[in-house]
C-alpha cells in the first residue's frame, strides 16, 4: 500500500506539471501554434498532440499484483528525463499528425487528460503492474511509476515548448 503522503506528493507534482505545460501553451500565439519554429522541430501543436497521445491514461488494461516496491523503477527512469541534452525518438504510436490544430481545443483536451490522470491516483491501485506496455530497457511499470513517468515527460516537453517561445520562429521571418 502506498502511504497517503506519497499519493499527495504525486498528485501535487502531476498537477503542477500539467498546469505549467498548459501555461506555456497559453504563451504561444495562435498564429504560430502550427508553425515549425526552427529546423528539426515539431510545431507547438505537434508537441501538445504528442503529449496528449502519451499521457491520456495508462497502459493498464492488463494488470497484476506484485511484491516488488511500487517505485523501484523510478531511479532508472528519472535520469532519462532530467538530462535535457538527450534526444529520444518517439514510438510510432505517439507520433503527432501534421494537421493544423486550434490552441483552445488542445488546451481543453489537455485539461480533460489531466483530470483523468489525477483521478487514477485516488481511484486505482497504484501498486499494480501494468502489462499492456513494457518500457524498453526497464520493463513493466506500476501505475505509480507510470504517473511519475507522465509527470517527467510533461516537464521535458514543457522545456521544449519554452524553447520554442524563447526562439524566433524561422518560418515567420
N, C-alpha and C. Protein backbone atom coordinates (compact mmCIF):
# COMPACT_ATOMS: atom_id res chain seq x y z
N UNK A 1 0.84 -1.19 0.00
CA UNK A 1 0.00 0.00 0.00
C UNK A 1 0.88 1.25 0.00
N UNK A 2 0.45 2.22 -0.76
CA UNK A 2 1.20 3.47 -0.87
C UNK A 2 0.69 4.45 0.19
N UNK A 3 1.60 5.01 0.98
CA UNK A 3 1.17 5.98 2.00
C UNK A 3 0.46 7.19 1.36
N UNK A 4 -0.49 7.73 2.09
CA UNK A 4 -1.25 8.88 1.60
C UNK A 4 -0.33 10.05 1.25
N UNK A 5 0.74 10.22 2.01
CA UNK A 5 1.66 11.32 1.74
C UNK A 5 2.34 11.16 0.38
N UNK A 6 2.62 9.91 -0.02
CA UNK A 6 3.22 9.64 -1.34
C UNK A 6 2.21 9.95 -2.45
N UNK A 7 0.96 9.59 -2.23
CA UNK A 7 -0.08 9.90 -3.21
C UNK A 7 -0.26 11.41 -3.32
N UNK A 8 -0.23 12.10 -2.18
CA UNK A 8 -0.36 13.56 -2.19
C UNK A 8 0.78 14.22 -2.96
N UNK A 9 1.99 13.71 -2.74
CA UNK A 9 3.16 14.25 -3.44
C UNK A 9 3.03 14.04 -4.95
N UNK A 10 2.61 12.85 -5.34
CA UNK A 10 2.41 12.55 -6.76
C UNK A 10 1.32 13.44 -7.35
N UNK A 11 0.21 13.56 -6.65
CA UNK A 11 -0.91 14.39 -7.12
C UNK A 11 -0.46 15.83 -7.34
N UNK A 12 0.27 16.36 -6.38
CA UNK A 12 0.75 17.74 -6.47
C UNK A 12 1.73 17.89 -7.64
N UNK A 13 2.67 16.97 -7.76
CA UNK A 13 3.68 17.06 -8.83
C UNK A 13 3.04 16.94 -10.21
N UNK A 14 2.09 16.03 -10.35
CA UNK A 14 1.42 15.84 -11.64
C UNK A 14 0.56 17.06 -11.98
N UNK A 15 -0.14 17.59 -10.99
CA UNK A 15 -0.94 18.81 -11.20
C UNK A 15 -0.05 19.96 -11.64
N UNK A 16 1.06 20.15 -10.95
CA UNK A 16 1.98 21.25 -11.29
C UNK A 16 2.56 21.07 -12.69
N UNK A 17 2.88 19.85 -13.07
CA UNK A 17 3.46 19.60 -14.40
C UNK A 17 2.43 19.91 -15.49
N UNK A 18 1.20 19.44 -15.32
CA UNK A 18 0.16 19.74 -16.30
C UNK A 18 -0.10 21.24 -16.35
N UNK A 19 -0.21 21.88 -15.19
CA UNK A 19 -0.51 23.32 -15.16
C UNK A 19 0.59 24.15 -15.81
N UNK A 20 1.85 23.79 -15.55
CA UNK A 20 2.97 24.52 -16.15
C UNK A 20 3.00 24.32 -17.66
N UNK A 21 2.73 23.09 -18.10
CA UNK A 21 2.71 22.79 -19.53
C UNK A 21 1.61 23.61 -20.21
N UNK A 22 0.43 23.59 -19.62
CA UNK A 22 -0.70 24.34 -20.19
C UNK A 22 -0.42 25.84 -20.17
N UNK A 23 0.18 26.33 -19.11
CA UNK A 23 0.53 27.75 -19.02
C UNK A 23 1.49 28.16 -20.13
N UNK A 24 2.42 27.28 -20.44
CA UNK A 24 3.37 27.57 -21.51
C UNK A 24 2.66 27.62 -22.86
N UNK A 25 1.69 26.75 -23.06
CA UNK A 25 0.94 26.78 -24.32
C UNK A 25 0.19 28.10 -24.47
N UNK A 26 -0.36 28.60 -23.35
CA UNK A 26 -1.07 29.88 -23.41
C UNK A 26 -0.15 31.00 -23.92
N UNK A 27 1.15 30.89 -23.69
CA UNK A 27 2.11 31.92 -24.11
C UNK A 27 2.36 31.92 -25.61
N UNK A 28 1.99 30.84 -26.28
CA UNK A 28 2.26 30.72 -27.71
C UNK A 28 1.10 31.32 -28.49
N UNK A 29 1.42 32.25 -29.36
CA UNK A 29 0.40 32.92 -30.15
C UNK A 29 -0.30 31.93 -31.08
N UNK A 30 -1.60 32.08 -31.19
CA UNK A 30 -2.40 31.21 -32.06
C UNK A 30 -1.86 31.19 -33.49
N UNK A 31 -1.29 32.30 -33.94
CA UNK A 31 -0.82 32.39 -35.33
C UNK A 31 0.39 31.51 -35.61
N UNK A 32 1.08 31.05 -34.57
CA UNK A 32 2.28 30.22 -34.78
C UNK A 32 2.16 28.83 -34.17
N UNK A 33 1.01 28.49 -33.61
CA UNK A 33 0.86 27.20 -32.94
C UNK A 33 1.05 26.03 -33.90
N UNK A 34 0.82 26.23 -35.19
CA UNK A 34 1.00 25.18 -36.19
C UNK A 34 2.22 25.44 -37.09
N UNK A 35 3.14 26.27 -36.60
CA UNK A 35 4.32 26.65 -37.37
C UNK A 35 5.56 26.00 -36.77
N UNK A 36 6.41 25.47 -37.63
CA UNK A 36 7.69 24.93 -37.17
C UNK A 36 8.58 26.10 -36.77
N UNK A 37 9.00 26.16 -35.51
CA UNK A 37 9.74 27.33 -35.03
C UNK A 37 11.20 27.37 -35.49
N UNK A 38 11.80 26.22 -35.71
CA UNK A 38 13.18 26.16 -36.18
C UNK A 38 13.43 24.79 -36.79
N UNK A 39 14.42 24.69 -37.60
CA UNK A 39 14.73 23.47 -38.33
C UNK A 39 14.86 22.28 -37.38
N UNK A 40 14.22 21.18 -37.76
CA UNK A 40 14.30 19.95 -36.98
C UNK A 40 13.32 19.86 -35.83
N UNK A 41 12.43 20.84 -35.72
CA UNK A 41 11.48 20.87 -34.60
C UNK A 41 10.09 20.46 -35.05
N UNK A 42 9.31 20.01 -34.08
CA UNK A 42 7.87 19.87 -34.27
C UNK A 42 7.26 21.26 -34.11
N UNK A 43 6.03 21.39 -34.53
CA UNK A 43 5.29 22.62 -34.22
C UNK A 43 4.84 22.53 -32.76
N UNK A 44 4.48 23.66 -32.14
CA UNK A 44 3.93 23.58 -30.79
C UNK A 44 2.70 22.66 -30.73
N UNK A 45 1.84 22.72 -31.75
CA UNK A 45 0.65 21.85 -31.77
C UNK A 45 1.05 20.38 -31.81
N UNK A 46 2.11 20.06 -32.52
CA UNK A 46 2.57 18.67 -32.58
C UNK A 46 3.12 18.21 -31.22
N UNK A 47 3.80 19.08 -30.51
CA UNK A 47 4.28 18.74 -29.17
C UNK A 47 3.10 18.43 -28.27
N UNK A 48 2.08 19.27 -28.32
CA UNK A 48 0.89 19.06 -27.49
C UNK A 48 0.18 17.77 -27.90
N UNK A 49 0.06 17.53 -29.19
CA UNK A 49 -0.59 16.31 -29.66
C UNK A 49 0.17 15.08 -29.18
N UNK A 50 1.49 15.12 -29.25
CA UNK A 50 2.32 14.03 -28.73
C UNK A 50 2.04 13.80 -27.24
N UNK A 51 1.99 14.87 -26.48
CA UNK A 51 1.72 14.75 -25.04
C UNK A 51 0.33 14.19 -24.80
N UNK A 52 -0.64 14.61 -25.58
CA UNK A 52 -1.99 14.05 -25.43
C UNK A 52 -1.98 12.54 -25.67
N UNK A 53 -1.29 12.12 -26.71
CA UNK A 53 -1.20 10.69 -27.01
C UNK A 53 -0.47 9.93 -25.90
N UNK A 54 0.55 10.54 -25.34
CA UNK A 54 1.41 9.86 -24.36
C UNK A 54 0.86 9.88 -22.94
N UNK A 55 -0.04 10.81 -22.64
CA UNK A 55 -0.47 10.96 -21.24
C UNK A 55 -1.95 10.66 -21.01
N UNK A 56 -2.66 10.29 -22.04
CA UNK A 56 -4.10 10.04 -21.90
C UNK A 56 -4.33 8.66 -21.28
N UNK A 57 -4.22 8.61 -19.96
CA UNK A 57 -4.40 7.35 -19.24
C UNK A 57 -3.13 6.52 -19.20
N UNK A 58 -3.27 5.32 -18.71
CA UNK A 58 -2.14 4.41 -18.53
C UNK A 58 -2.34 3.13 -19.33
N UNK A 59 -1.24 2.45 -19.65
CA UNK A 59 -1.37 1.16 -20.33
C UNK A 59 -1.71 0.06 -19.32
N UNK A 60 -2.93 0.16 -18.77
CA UNK A 60 -3.27 -0.70 -17.63
C UNK A 60 -4.54 -1.53 -17.81
N UNK A 61 -4.81 -1.95 -19.04
CA UNK A 61 -5.95 -2.85 -19.22
C UNK A 61 -5.67 -4.22 -18.63
N UNK A 62 -4.40 -4.63 -18.65
CA UNK A 62 -3.97 -5.89 -18.05
C UNK A 62 -3.01 -5.55 -16.91
N UNK A 63 -3.41 -5.82 -15.68
CA UNK A 63 -2.55 -5.54 -14.53
C UNK A 63 -2.39 -6.79 -13.68
N UNK A 64 -1.33 -6.76 -12.88
CA UNK A 64 -1.07 -7.85 -11.94
C UNK A 64 -0.56 -7.25 -10.64
N UNK A 65 -0.83 -7.94 -9.55
CA UNK A 65 -0.25 -7.56 -8.27
C UNK A 65 1.23 -7.93 -8.30
N UNK A 66 1.99 -7.29 -7.44
CA UNK A 66 3.42 -7.56 -7.40
C UNK A 66 3.94 -7.47 -5.98
N UNK A 67 5.06 -8.11 -5.75
CA UNK A 67 5.72 -8.00 -4.45
C UNK A 67 6.84 -6.97 -4.49
N UNK A 68 7.20 -6.51 -5.67
CA UNK A 68 8.29 -5.53 -5.76
C UNK A 68 7.80 -4.17 -5.28
N UNK A 69 8.73 -3.34 -4.90
CA UNK A 69 8.40 -1.99 -4.45
C UNK A 69 7.70 -1.23 -5.59
N UNK A 70 6.67 -0.51 -5.27
CA UNK A 70 5.87 0.20 -6.26
C UNK A 70 6.64 1.29 -6.99
N UNK A 71 7.80 1.68 -6.47
CA UNK A 71 8.57 2.77 -7.06
C UNK A 71 9.99 2.36 -7.45
N UNK A 72 10.25 1.07 -7.54
CA UNK A 72 11.62 0.59 -7.73
C UNK A 72 12.23 0.97 -9.08
N UNK A 73 11.42 1.27 -10.09
CA UNK A 73 11.96 1.62 -11.41
C UNK A 73 12.22 3.12 -11.56
N UNK A 74 11.75 3.93 -10.63
CA UNK A 74 11.92 5.37 -10.76
C UNK A 74 13.38 5.81 -10.86
N UNK A 75 14.30 5.24 -10.06
CA UNK A 75 15.70 5.66 -10.20
C UNK A 75 16.29 5.38 -11.59
N UNK A 76 15.75 4.41 -12.27
CA UNK A 76 16.20 4.07 -13.62
C UNK A 76 15.62 5.04 -14.65
N UNK A 77 14.41 5.50 -14.43
CA UNK A 77 13.70 6.33 -15.39
C UNK A 77 14.06 7.81 -15.26
N UNK A 78 14.16 8.29 -14.04
CA UNK A 78 14.33 9.72 -13.79
C UNK A 78 15.50 10.35 -14.57
N UNK A 79 16.67 9.73 -14.62
CA UNK A 79 17.78 10.36 -15.35
C UNK A 79 17.50 10.59 -16.84
N UNK A 80 16.68 9.74 -17.47
CA UNK A 80 16.36 9.93 -18.88
C UNK A 80 15.73 11.29 -19.12
N UNK A 81 14.79 11.63 -18.26
CA UNK A 81 14.01 12.85 -18.47
C UNK A 81 14.72 14.09 -17.97
N UNK A 82 15.57 13.95 -16.97
CA UNK A 82 16.23 15.12 -16.41
C UNK A 82 17.41 15.60 -17.25
N UNK A 83 18.02 14.71 -18.04
CA UNK A 83 19.12 15.09 -18.91
C UNK A 83 18.53 15.63 -20.21
N UNK A 84 18.40 16.95 -20.28
CA UNK A 84 17.74 17.57 -21.42
C UNK A 84 18.60 17.56 -22.69
N UNK A 85 19.86 17.17 -22.56
CA UNK A 85 20.71 17.07 -23.75
C UNK A 85 20.43 15.79 -24.53
N UNK A 86 19.81 14.80 -23.87
CA UNK A 86 19.47 13.55 -24.55
C UNK A 86 18.28 13.76 -25.48
N UNK A 87 18.37 13.17 -26.65
CA UNK A 87 17.27 13.21 -27.61
C UNK A 87 16.69 11.81 -27.73
N UNK A 88 15.38 11.73 -27.81
CA UNK A 88 14.71 10.45 -27.92
C UNK A 88 13.88 10.41 -29.20
N UNK A 89 13.68 9.23 -29.71
CA UNK A 89 12.79 9.03 -30.85
C UNK A 89 11.46 8.54 -30.29
N UNK A 90 10.41 9.23 -30.65
CA UNK A 90 9.08 8.85 -30.18
C UNK A 90 8.64 7.56 -30.85
N UNK A 91 7.99 6.67 -30.09
CA UNK A 91 7.40 5.49 -30.73
C UNK A 91 6.37 5.94 -31.77
N UNK A 92 6.23 5.16 -32.81
CA UNK A 92 5.30 5.49 -33.90
C UNK A 92 3.89 5.80 -33.38
N UNK A 93 3.44 5.05 -32.40
CA UNK A 93 2.08 5.23 -31.87
C UNK A 93 1.88 6.58 -31.17
N UNK A 94 2.98 7.24 -30.83
CA UNK A 94 2.89 8.53 -30.14
C UNK A 94 3.32 9.70 -31.03
N UNK A 95 3.53 9.42 -32.31
CA UNK A 95 3.93 10.47 -33.25
C UNK A 95 2.72 11.36 -33.57
N UNK A 96 2.91 12.67 -33.51
CA UNK A 96 1.80 13.58 -33.81
C UNK A 96 1.53 13.65 -35.31
N UNK A 97 0.30 14.01 -35.63
CA UNK A 97 -0.04 14.22 -37.03
C UNK A 97 0.46 15.61 -37.46
N UNK A 98 0.30 15.93 -38.71
CA UNK A 98 0.75 17.24 -39.20
C UNK A 98 -0.43 18.15 -39.55
N UNK A 99 -1.61 17.77 -39.06
CA UNK A 99 -2.80 18.58 -39.31
C UNK A 99 -2.77 19.84 -38.46
N UNK A 100 -3.37 20.92 -38.91
CA UNK A 100 -3.46 22.12 -38.08
C UNK A 100 -4.43 21.90 -36.91
N UNK A 101 -4.11 22.50 -35.79
CA UNK A 101 -4.94 22.38 -34.59
C UNK A 101 -5.20 23.76 -33.99
N UNK A 102 -6.33 23.89 -33.34
CA UNK A 102 -6.67 25.11 -32.61
C UNK A 102 -6.08 25.03 -31.21
N UNK A 103 -5.42 26.07 -30.79
CA UNK A 103 -4.80 26.09 -29.46
C UNK A 103 -5.84 25.84 -28.37
N UNK A 104 -7.00 26.46 -28.46
CA UNK A 104 -8.02 26.31 -27.41
C UNK A 104 -8.49 24.86 -27.32
N UNK A 105 -8.61 24.18 -28.46
CA UNK A 105 -9.04 22.79 -28.47
C UNK A 105 -7.98 21.90 -27.81
N UNK A 106 -6.72 22.17 -28.10
CA UNK A 106 -5.63 21.40 -27.48
C UNK A 106 -5.62 21.58 -25.97
N UNK A 107 -5.82 22.81 -25.52
CA UNK A 107 -5.83 23.09 -24.08
C UNK A 107 -7.00 22.39 -23.40
N UNK A 108 -8.17 22.42 -24.03
CA UNK A 108 -9.34 21.73 -23.48
C UNK A 108 -9.06 20.24 -23.33
N UNK A 109 -8.47 19.64 -24.36
CA UNK A 109 -8.14 18.22 -24.30
C UNK A 109 -7.11 17.93 -23.20
N UNK A 110 -6.12 18.79 -23.06
CA UNK A 110 -5.12 18.59 -22.01
C UNK A 110 -5.75 18.65 -20.62
N UNK A 111 -6.65 19.58 -20.42
CA UNK A 111 -7.32 19.69 -19.12
C UNK A 111 -8.13 18.43 -18.82
N UNK A 112 -8.75 17.86 -19.83
CA UNK A 112 -9.50 16.62 -19.66
C UNK A 112 -8.56 15.46 -19.29
N UNK A 113 -7.45 15.35 -19.99
CA UNK A 113 -6.47 14.29 -19.71
C UNK A 113 -5.90 14.46 -18.30
N UNK A 114 -5.64 15.69 -17.92
CA UNK A 114 -5.13 15.97 -16.57
C UNK A 114 -6.09 15.42 -15.51
N UNK A 115 -7.36 15.74 -15.64
CA UNK A 115 -8.35 15.27 -14.66
C UNK A 115 -8.45 13.75 -14.67
N UNK A 116 -8.41 13.16 -15.83
CA UNK A 116 -8.46 11.70 -15.97
C UNK A 116 -7.26 11.05 -15.26
N UNK A 117 -6.07 11.58 -15.50
CA UNK A 117 -4.86 11.02 -14.89
C UNK A 117 -4.84 11.24 -13.38
N UNK A 118 -5.27 12.40 -12.93
CA UNK A 118 -5.31 12.66 -11.48
C UNK A 118 -6.30 11.74 -10.78
N UNK A 119 -7.40 11.42 -11.44
CA UNK A 119 -8.40 10.52 -10.85
C UNK A 119 -7.82 9.13 -10.60
N UNK A 120 -6.88 8.71 -11.41
CA UNK A 120 -6.26 7.40 -11.23
C UNK A 120 -5.63 7.29 -9.85
N UNK A 121 -5.08 8.39 -9.36
CA UNK A 121 -4.39 8.37 -8.06
C UNK A 121 -5.32 7.95 -6.94
N UNK A 122 -6.53 8.45 -6.96
CA UNK A 122 -7.46 8.12 -5.88
C UNK A 122 -8.35 6.91 -6.17
N UNK A 123 -8.49 6.55 -7.44
CA UNK A 123 -9.45 5.51 -7.80
C UNK A 123 -8.86 4.13 -8.07
N UNK A 124 -7.56 4.05 -8.30
CA UNK A 124 -6.99 2.75 -8.70
C UNK A 124 -5.84 2.35 -7.78
N UNK A 125 -5.52 1.08 -7.83
CA UNK A 125 -4.38 0.53 -7.08
C UNK A 125 -3.11 0.93 -7.81
N UNK A 126 -2.35 1.84 -7.23
CA UNK A 126 -1.14 2.34 -7.87
C UNK A 126 0.02 1.36 -7.81
N UNK A 127 -0.11 0.31 -7.00
CA UNK A 127 0.98 -0.67 -6.90
C UNK A 127 0.89 -1.75 -7.97
N UNK A 128 -0.23 -1.82 -8.69
CA UNK A 128 -0.41 -2.85 -9.73
C UNK A 128 0.54 -2.61 -10.88
N UNK A 129 1.09 -3.69 -11.41
CA UNK A 129 1.98 -3.63 -12.58
C UNK A 129 1.12 -3.62 -13.84
N UNK A 130 1.42 -2.70 -14.74
CA UNK A 130 0.69 -2.56 -16.00
C UNK A 130 1.37 -3.41 -17.07
N UNK A 131 0.64 -4.38 -17.60
CA UNK A 131 1.21 -5.31 -18.57
C UNK A 131 0.81 -5.04 -20.01
N UNK A 132 0.26 -3.86 -20.31
CA UNK A 132 -0.11 -3.54 -21.68
C UNK A 132 1.08 -3.02 -22.49
N UNK A 133 2.09 -2.49 -21.81
CA UNK A 133 3.25 -1.94 -22.49
C UNK A 133 4.48 -2.09 -21.61
N UNK A 134 5.54 -2.60 -22.18
CA UNK A 134 6.80 -2.76 -21.47
C UNK A 134 7.73 -1.63 -21.88
N UNK A 135 8.19 -0.86 -20.91
CA UNK A 135 9.11 0.24 -21.19
C UNK A 135 10.46 -0.34 -21.59
N UNK A 136 10.92 -0.06 -22.81
CA UNK A 136 12.18 -0.63 -23.28
C UNK A 136 13.33 -0.36 -22.31
N UNK A 137 14.07 -1.40 -22.02
CA UNK A 137 15.22 -1.29 -21.15
C UNK A 137 14.91 -1.26 -19.66
N UNK A 138 13.63 -1.19 -19.32
CA UNK A 138 13.23 -1.12 -17.92
C UNK A 138 12.31 -2.26 -17.54
N UNK A 139 11.26 -2.45 -18.32
CA UNK A 139 10.28 -3.49 -18.03
C UNK A 139 8.91 -2.89 -17.80
N UNK A 140 8.07 -3.66 -17.13
CA UNK A 140 6.71 -3.22 -16.84
C UNK A 140 6.71 -2.32 -15.61
N UNK A 141 5.92 -1.27 -15.68
CA UNK A 141 5.85 -0.29 -14.60
C UNK A 141 4.55 -0.43 -13.83
N UNK A 142 4.59 0.02 -12.58
CA UNK A 142 3.38 0.13 -11.79
C UNK A 142 2.62 1.38 -12.24
N UNK A 143 1.38 1.50 -11.85
CA UNK A 143 0.63 2.72 -12.15
C UNK A 143 1.33 3.93 -11.53
N UNK A 144 1.84 3.75 -10.33
CA UNK A 144 2.56 4.82 -9.64
C UNK A 144 3.74 5.30 -10.50
N UNK A 145 4.52 4.35 -11.00
CA UNK A 145 5.68 4.71 -11.83
C UNK A 145 5.24 5.35 -13.14
N UNK A 146 4.16 4.86 -13.75
CA UNK A 146 3.67 5.46 -14.99
C UNK A 146 3.25 6.90 -14.77
N UNK A 147 2.59 7.18 -13.66
CA UNK A 147 2.16 8.56 -13.41
C UNK A 147 3.35 9.48 -13.20
N UNK A 148 4.39 8.98 -12.54
CA UNK A 148 5.62 9.78 -12.43
C UNK A 148 6.27 9.94 -13.79
N UNK A 149 6.23 8.90 -14.60
CA UNK A 149 6.75 8.96 -15.97
C UNK A 149 6.04 10.09 -16.73
N UNK A 150 4.73 10.16 -16.61
CA UNK A 150 3.95 11.21 -17.26
C UNK A 150 4.39 12.58 -16.76
N UNK A 151 4.57 12.70 -15.45
CA UNK A 151 4.98 13.98 -14.87
C UNK A 151 6.33 14.42 -15.46
N UNK A 152 7.27 13.51 -15.54
CA UNK A 152 8.60 13.83 -16.08
C UNK A 152 8.52 14.14 -17.57
N UNK A 153 7.69 13.42 -18.29
CA UNK A 153 7.51 13.62 -19.73
C UNK A 153 6.94 15.02 -19.98
N UNK A 154 5.96 15.42 -19.19
CA UNK A 154 5.39 16.76 -19.30
C UNK A 154 6.45 17.84 -19.08
N UNK A 155 7.26 17.66 -18.06
CA UNK A 155 8.29 18.66 -17.75
C UNK A 155 9.30 18.78 -18.89
N UNK A 156 9.68 17.65 -19.46
CA UNK A 156 10.64 17.66 -20.57
C UNK A 156 10.06 18.42 -21.77
N UNK A 157 8.81 18.15 -22.10
CA UNK A 157 8.21 18.82 -23.25
C UNK A 157 7.81 20.26 -22.93
N UNK A 158 7.62 20.57 -21.67
CA UNK A 158 7.42 21.98 -21.32
C UNK A 158 8.69 22.75 -21.64
N UNK A 159 9.83 22.18 -21.32
CA UNK A 159 11.11 22.79 -21.66
C UNK A 159 11.20 23.01 -23.18
N UNK A 160 10.76 22.02 -23.94
CA UNK A 160 10.76 22.12 -25.40
C UNK A 160 9.87 23.28 -25.85
N UNK A 161 8.67 23.39 -25.27
CA UNK A 161 7.77 24.49 -25.64
C UNK A 161 8.36 25.84 -25.24
N UNK A 162 8.98 25.91 -24.06
CA UNK A 162 9.60 27.17 -23.63
C UNK A 162 10.71 27.56 -24.60
N UNK A 163 11.44 26.58 -25.09
CA UNK A 163 12.48 26.85 -26.07
C UNK A 163 11.86 27.44 -27.33
N UNK A 164 10.70 26.95 -27.72
CA UNK A 164 10.00 27.49 -28.89
C UNK A 164 9.56 28.92 -28.64
N UNK A 165 9.05 29.19 -27.44
CA UNK A 165 8.60 30.53 -27.10
C UNK A 165 9.78 31.50 -27.11
N UNK A 166 10.93 31.05 -26.64
CA UNK A 166 12.09 31.93 -26.50
C UNK A 166 12.89 32.11 -27.78
N UNK A 167 12.72 31.22 -28.75
CA UNK A 167 13.42 31.33 -30.02
C UNK A 167 12.48 31.92 -31.05
N UNK A 168 13.05 32.64 -31.98
CA UNK A 168 12.19 33.21 -33.04
C UNK A 168 11.76 32.08 -33.97
N UNK A 169 10.60 32.22 -34.53
CA UNK A 169 10.08 31.24 -35.47
C UNK A 169 10.68 31.52 -36.85
N UNK A 170 11.64 30.66 -37.28
CA UNK A 170 12.31 30.85 -38.56
C UNK A 170 11.32 30.97 -39.70
N UNK A 171 10.26 30.16 -39.65
CA UNK A 171 9.30 30.18 -40.76
C UNK A 171 8.59 31.53 -40.88
N UNK A 172 8.55 32.28 -39.79
CA UNK A 172 7.86 33.57 -39.81
C UNK A 172 8.76 34.73 -40.14
N UNK A 173 10.05 34.49 -40.32
CA UNK A 173 10.96 35.60 -40.63
C UNK A 173 10.91 35.99 -42.07
